[in-house]
């Protein structure tokens, strides 16, 4: 596990696009990272809209 997480070369390992046909730990991590951060951005947008609505109502 340590080799997978800390022994990567960011210039060659992370910068490449994952191949959907290739099922590896690195590919699964990149896919989850993208979806997780997309969900977090949408959630943040909803929270900002709600807070602006509360601010206008006050």
PDB file of N, CA and C in Angstrom:
ATOM      1  N   UNK A   1       0.826  -1.201   0.000  1.00  0.00           N
ATOM      2  CA  UNK A   1       0.000   0.000   0.000  1.00  0.00           C
ATOM      3  C   UNK A   1       0.867   1.261   0.000  1.00  0.00           C
ATOM      4  N   UNK A   2       1.932   1.248   0.769  1.00  0.00           N
ATOM      5  CA  UNK A   2       2.810   2.420   0.825  1.00  0.00           C
ATOM      6  C   UNK A   2       3.453   2.657  -0.537  1.00  0.00           C
ATOM      7  N   UNK A   3       3.861   1.580  -1.212  1.00  0.00           N
ATOM      8  CA  UNK A   3       4.475   1.736  -2.534  1.00  0.00           C
ATOM      9  C   UNK A   3       3.496   2.352  -3.525  1.00  0.00           C
ATOM     10  N   UNK A   4       2.239   1.999  -3.428  1.00  0.00           N
ATOM     11  CA  UNK A   4       1.242   2.519  -4.359  1.00  0.00           C
ATOM     12  C   UNK A   4       0.998   4.006  -4.117  1.00  0.00           C
ATOM     13  N   UNK A   5       0.949   4.410  -2.852  1.00  0.00           N
ATOM     14  CA  UNK A   5       0.584   5.790  -2.549  1.00  0.00           C
ATOM     15  C   UNK A   5       1.752   6.766  -2.625  1.00  0.00           C
ATOM     16  N   UNK A   6       2.930   6.378  -2.153  1.00  0.00           N
ATOM     17  CA  UNK A   6       4.010   7.348  -2.031  1.00  0.00           C
ATOM     18  C   UNK A   6       5.167   7.132  -2.989  1.00  0.00           C
ATOM     19  N   UNK A   7       5.198   6.092  -3.750  1.00  0.00           N
ATOM     20  CA  UNK A   7       6.312   5.835  -4.661  1.00  0.00           C
ATOM     21  C   UNK A   7       5.940   6.156  -6.107  1.00  0.00           C
ATOM     22  N   UNK A   8       4.961   7.016  -6.316  1.00  0.00           N
ATOM     23  CA  UNK A   8       4.555   7.369  -7.672  1.00  0.00           C
ATOM     24  C   UNK A   8       5.324   8.590  -8.153  1.00  0.00           C
ATOM     25  N   UNK A   9       5.509   8.653  -9.439  1.00  0.00           N
ATOM     26  CA  UNK A   9       6.124   9.811 -10.062  1.00  0.00           C
ATOM     27  C   UNK A   9       4.996  10.682 -10.615  1.00  0.00           C
ATOM     28  N   UNK A  10       4.756  11.853 -10.040  1.00  0.00           N
ATOM     29  CA  UNK A  10       3.614  12.671 -10.463  1.00  0.00           C
ATOM     30  C   UNK A  10       3.667  13.097 -11.927  1.00  0.00           C
ATOM     31  N   UNK A  11       4.857  13.225 -12.483  1.00  0.00           N
ATOM     32  CA  UNK A  11       4.970  13.663 -13.874  1.00  0.00           C
ATOM     33  C   UNK A  11       4.506  12.590 -14.851  1.00  0.00           C
ATOM     34  N   UNK A  12       4.707  11.326 -14.498  1.00  0.00           N
ATOM     35  CA  UNK A  12       4.343  10.258 -15.429  1.00  0.00           C
ATOM     36  C   UNK A  12       3.112   9.484 -14.979  1.00  0.00           C
ATOM     37  N   UNK A  13       2.893   9.335 -13.683  1.00  0.00           N
ATOM     38  CA  UNK A  13       1.804   8.489 -13.194  1.00  0.00           C
ATOM     39  C   UNK A  13       0.462   9.217 -13.129  1.00  0.00           C
ATOM     40  N   UNK A  14       0.452  10.435 -12.665  1.00  0.00           N
ATOM     41  CA  UNK A  14      -0.808  11.131 -12.417  1.00  0.00           C
ATOM     42  C   UNK A  14      -1.251  11.957 -13.619  1.00  0.00           C
ATOM     43  N   UNK A  15      -0.323  12.451 -14.414  1.00  0.00           N
ATOM     44  CA  UNK A  15      -0.666  13.340 -15.518  1.00  0.00           C
ATOM     45  C   UNK A  15      -1.333  12.611 -16.679  1.00  0.00           C
ATOM     46  N   UNK A  16      -1.179  11.298 -16.765  1.00  0.00           N
ATOM     47  CA  UNK A  16      -1.757  10.562 -17.875  1.00  0.00           C
ATOM     48  C   UNK A  16      -3.245  10.327 -17.647  1.00  0.00           C
ATOM     49  N   UNK A  17      -3.981  10.304 -18.737  1.00  0.00           N
ATOM     50  CA  UNK A  17      -5.410  10.021 -18.660  1.00  0.00           C
ATOM     51  C   UNK A  17      -5.620   8.521 -18.423  1.00  0.00           C
ATOM     52  N   UNK A  18      -6.565   8.160 -17.538  1.00  0.00           N
ATOM     53  CA  UNK A  18      -6.801   6.740 -17.311  1.00  0.00           C
ATOM     54  C   UNK A  18      -7.502   6.083 -18.497  1.00  0.00           C
ATOM     55  N   UNK A  19      -7.124   4.884 -18.786  1.00  0.00           N
ATOM     56  CA  UNK A  19      -7.741   4.110 -19.853  1.00  0.00           C
ATOM     57  C   UNK A  19      -8.958   3.386 -19.278  1.00  0.00           C
ATOM     58  N   UNK A  20     -10.159   3.607 -19.810  1.00  0.00           N
ATOM     59  CA  UNK A  20     -11.349   2.967 -19.248  1.00  0.00           C
ATOM     60  C   UNK A  20     -11.324   1.444 -19.340  1.00  0.00           C
ATOM     61  N   UNK A  21     -10.565   0.912 -20.300  1.00  0.00           N
ATOM     62  CA  UNK A  21     -10.488  -0.542 -20.452  1.00  0.00           C
ATOM     63  C   UNK A  21      -9.534  -1.165 -19.439  1.00  0.00           C
ATOM     64  N   UNK A  22      -8.667  -0.372 -18.852  1.00  0.00           N
ATOM     65  CA  UNK A  22      -7.662  -0.879 -17.928  1.00  0.00           C
ATOM     66  C   UNK A  22      -8.166  -0.714 -16.497  1.00  0.00           C
ATOM     67  N   UNK A  23      -8.325  -1.821 -15.778  1.00  0.00           N
ATOM     68  CA  UNK A  23      -8.806  -1.771 -14.402  1.00  0.00           C
ATOM     69  C   UNK A  23      -7.624  -1.934 -13.456  1.00  0.00           C
ATOM     70  N   UNK A  24      -7.129  -0.809 -12.957  1.00  0.00           N
ATOM     71  CA  UNK A  24      -6.016  -0.831 -12.016  1.00  0.00           C
ATOM     72  C   UNK A  24      -6.378   0.024 -10.813  1.00  0.00           C
ATOM     73  N   UNK A  25      -5.571  -0.054  -9.782  1.00  0.00           N
ATOM     74  CA  UNK A  25      -5.798   0.768  -8.592  1.00  0.00           C
ATOM     75  C   UNK A  25      -5.657   2.241  -8.946  1.00  0.00           C
ATOM     76  N   UNK A  26      -4.668   2.569  -9.768  1.00  0.00           N
ATOM     77  CA  UNK A  26      -4.438   3.958 -10.158  1.00  0.00           C
ATOM     78  C   UNK A  26      -5.618   4.506 -10.952  1.00  0.00           C
ATOM     79  N   UNK A  27      -6.149   3.701 -11.877  1.00  0.00           N
ATOM     80  CA  UNK A  27      -7.288   4.107 -12.685  1.00  0.00           C
ATOM     81  C   UNK A  27      -8.521   4.313 -11.811  1.00  0.00           C
ATOM     82  N   UNK A  28      -8.770   3.386 -10.888  1.00  0.00           N
ATOM     83  CA  UNK A  28      -9.927   3.503  -9.996  1.00  0.00           C
ATOM     84  C   UNK A  28      -9.801   4.744  -9.115  1.00  0.00           C
ATOM     85  N   UNK A  29      -8.585   5.031  -8.639  1.00  0.00           N
ATOM     86  CA  UNK A  29      -8.368   6.206  -7.806  1.00  0.00           C
ATOM     87  C   UNK A  29      -8.669   7.486  -8.577  1.00  0.00           C
ATOM     88  N   UNK A  30      -8.182   7.581  -9.817  1.00  0.00           N
ATOM     89  CA  UNK A  30      -8.415   8.792 -10.612  1.00  0.00           C
ATOM     90  C   UNK A  30      -9.901   8.988 -10.894  1.00  0.00           C
ATOM     91  N   UNK A  31     -10.595   7.900 -11.203  1.00  0.00           N
ATOM     92  CA  UNK A  31     -12.022   7.999 -11.488  1.00  0.00           C
ATOM     93  C   UNK A  31     -12.794   8.429 -10.254  1.00  0.00           C
ATOM     94  N   UNK A  32     -12.480   7.826  -9.132  1.00  0.00           N
ATOM     95  CA  UNK A  32     -13.157   8.223  -7.885  1.00  0.00           C
ATOM     96  C   UNK A  32     -12.838   9.649  -7.514  1.00  0.00           C
ATOM     97  N   UNK A  33     -11.603  10.085  -7.720  1.00  0.00           N
ATOM     98  CA  UNK A  33     -11.202  11.442  -7.392  1.00  0.00           C
ATOM     99  C   UNK A  33     -12.015  12.452  -8.203  1.00  0.00           C
ATOM    100  N   UNK A  34     -12.194  12.170  -9.485  1.00  0.00           N
ATOM    101  CA  UNK A  34     -12.949  13.080 -10.345  1.00  0.00           C
ATOM    102  C   UNK A  34     -14.400  13.171  -9.888  1.00  0.00           C
ATOM    103  N   UNK A  35     -15.046  12.027  -9.656  1.00  0.00           N
ATOM    104  CA  UNK A  35     -16.448  12.047  -9.243  1.00  0.00           C
ATOM    105  C   UNK A  35     -16.625  12.654  -7.861  1.00  0.00           C
ATOM    106  N   UNK A  36     -15.714  12.373  -6.942  1.00  0.00           N
ATOM    107  CA  UNK A  36     -15.797  12.921  -5.593  1.00  0.00           C
ATOM    108  C   UNK A  36     -15.714  14.446  -5.626  1.00  0.00           C
ATOM    109  N   UNK A  37     -14.784  14.973  -6.376  1.00  0.00           N
ATOM    110  CA  UNK A  37     -14.638  16.428  -6.419  1.00  0.00           C
ATOM    111  C   UNK A  37     -15.756  17.103  -7.221  1.00  0.00           C
ATOM    112  N   UNK A  38     -16.302  16.422  -8.213  1.00  0.00           N
ATOM    113  CA  UNK A  38     -17.463  16.958  -8.927  1.00  0.00           C
ATOM    114  C   UNK A  38     -18.655  17.056  -7.986  1.00  0.00           C
ATOM    115  N   UNK A  39     -18.882  16.013  -7.200  1.00  0.00           N
ATOM    116  CA  UNK A  39     -19.966  16.020  -6.220  1.00  0.00           C
ATOM    117  C   UNK A  39     -19.761  17.124  -5.190  1.00  0.00           C
ATOM    118  N   UNK A  40     -18.529  17.303  -4.719  1.00  0.00           N
ATOM    119  CA  UNK A  40     -18.248  18.340  -3.728  1.00  0.00           C
ATOM    120  C   UNK A  40     -18.484  19.738  -4.312  1.00  0.00           C
ATOM    121  N   UNK A  41     -18.141  19.948  -5.583  1.00  0.00           N
ATOM    122  CA  UNK A  41     -18.358  21.251  -6.212  1.00  0.00           C
ATOM    123  C   UNK A  41     -19.846  21.548  -6.339  1.00  0.00           C
ATOM    124  N   UNK A  42     -20.635  20.547  -6.719  1.00  0.00           N
ATOM    125  CA  UNK A  42     -22.091  20.740  -6.821  1.00  0.00           C
ATOM    126  C   UNK A  42     -22.698  21.025  -5.454  1.00  0.00           C
ATOM    127  N   UNK A  43     -22.236  20.302  -4.457  1.00  0.00           N
ATOM    128  CA  UNK A  43     -22.731  20.516  -3.100  1.00  0.00           C
ATOM    129  C   UNK A  43     -22.383  21.924  -2.611  1.00  0.00           C
ATOM    130  N   UNK A  44     -21.186  22.378  -2.895  1.00  0.00           N
ATOM    131  CA  UNK A  44     -20.773  23.721  -2.508  1.00  0.00           C
ATOM    132  C   UNK A  44     -21.617  24.786  -3.212  1.00  0.00           C
ATOM    133  N   UNK A  45     -21.929  24.576  -4.481  1.00  0.00           N
ATOM    134  CA  UNK A  45     -22.773  25.512  -5.215  1.00  0.00           C
ATOM    135  C   UNK A  45     -24.165  25.602  -4.583  1.00  0.00           C
ATOM    136  N   UNK A  46     -24.737  24.476  -4.213  1.00  0.00           N
ATOM    137  CA  UNK A  46     -26.058  24.467  -3.572  1.00  0.00           C
ATOM    138  C   UNK A  46     -26.008  25.200  -2.244  1.00  0.00           C
ATOM    139  N   UNK A  47     -24.958  24.985  -1.461  1.00  0.00           N
ATOM    140  CA  UNK A  47     -24.828  25.662  -0.169  1.00  0.00           C
ATOM    141  C   UNK A  47     -24.703  27.172  -0.354  1.00  0.00           C
ATOM    142  N   UNK A  48     -23.927  27.611  -1.339  1.00  0.00           N
ATOM    143  CA  UNK A  48     -23.775  29.047  -1.595  1.00  0.00           C
ATOM    144  C   UNK A  48     -25.109  29.665  -2.003  1.00  0.00           C
ATOM    145  N   UNK A  49     -25.864  28.971  -2.851  1.00  0.00           N
ATOM    146  CA  UNK A  49     -27.178  29.483  -3.266  1.00  0.00           C
ATOM    147  C   UNK A  49     -28.113  29.586  -2.062  1.00  0.00           C
ATOM    148  N   UNK A  50     -28.115  28.577  -1.206  1.00  0.00           N
ATOM    149  CA  UNK A  50     -28.957  28.635  -0.001  1.00  0.00           C
ATOM    150  C   UNK A  50     -28.534  29.771   0.927  1.00  0.00           C
ATOM    151  N   UNK A  51     -27.253  29.972   1.099  1.00  0.00           N
ATOM    152  CA  UNK A  51     -26.783  31.054   1.978  1.00  0.00           C
ATOM    153  C   UNK A  51     -27.119  32.432   1.405  1.00  0.00           C
ATOM    154  N   UNK A  52     -27.043  32.593   0.107  1.00  0.00           N
ATOM    155  CA  UNK A  52     -27.434  33.860  -0.516  1.00  0.00           C
ATOM    156  C   UNK A  52     -28.930  34.083  -0.319  1.00  0.00           C
ATOM    157  N   UNK A  53     -29.717  33.027  -0.458  1.00  0.00           N
ATOM    158  CA  UNK A  53     -31.164  33.146  -0.211  1.00  0.00           C
ATOM    159  C   UNK A  53     -31.485  33.552   1.216  1.00  0.00           C
ATOM    160  N   UNK A  54     -30.751  32.977   2.165  1.00  0.00           N
ATOM    161  CA  UNK A  54     -30.947  33.346   3.579  1.00  0.00           C
ATOM    162  C   UNK A  54     -30.537  34.796   3.802  1.00  0.00           C
ATOM    163  N   UNK A  55     -29.436  35.208   3.200  1.00  0.00           N
ATOM    164  CA  UNK A  55     -28.967  36.583   3.355  1.00  0.00           C
ATOM    165  C   UNK A  55     -29.964  37.583   2.789  1.00  0.00           C
ATOM    166  N   UNK A  56     -30.573  37.276   1.654  1.00  0.00           N
ATOM    167  CA  UNK A  56     -31.553  38.168   1.043  1.00  0.00           C
ATOM    168  C   UNK A  56     -32.811  38.229   1.895  1.00  0.00           C
ATOM    169  N   UNK A  57     -33.195  37.118   2.493  1.00  0.00           N
ATOM    170  CA  UNK A  57     -34.426  37.063   3.293  1.00  0.00           C
ATOM    171  C   UNK A  57     -34.296  37.864   4.595  1.00  0.00           C
ATOM    172  N   UNK A  58     -33.089  37.983   5.110  1.00  0.00           N
ATOM    173  CA  UNK A  58     -32.883  38.740   6.359  1.00  0.00           C
ATOM    174  C   UNK A  58     -33.019  40.172   6.033  1.00  0.00           C
TER     175      UNK A  58
END
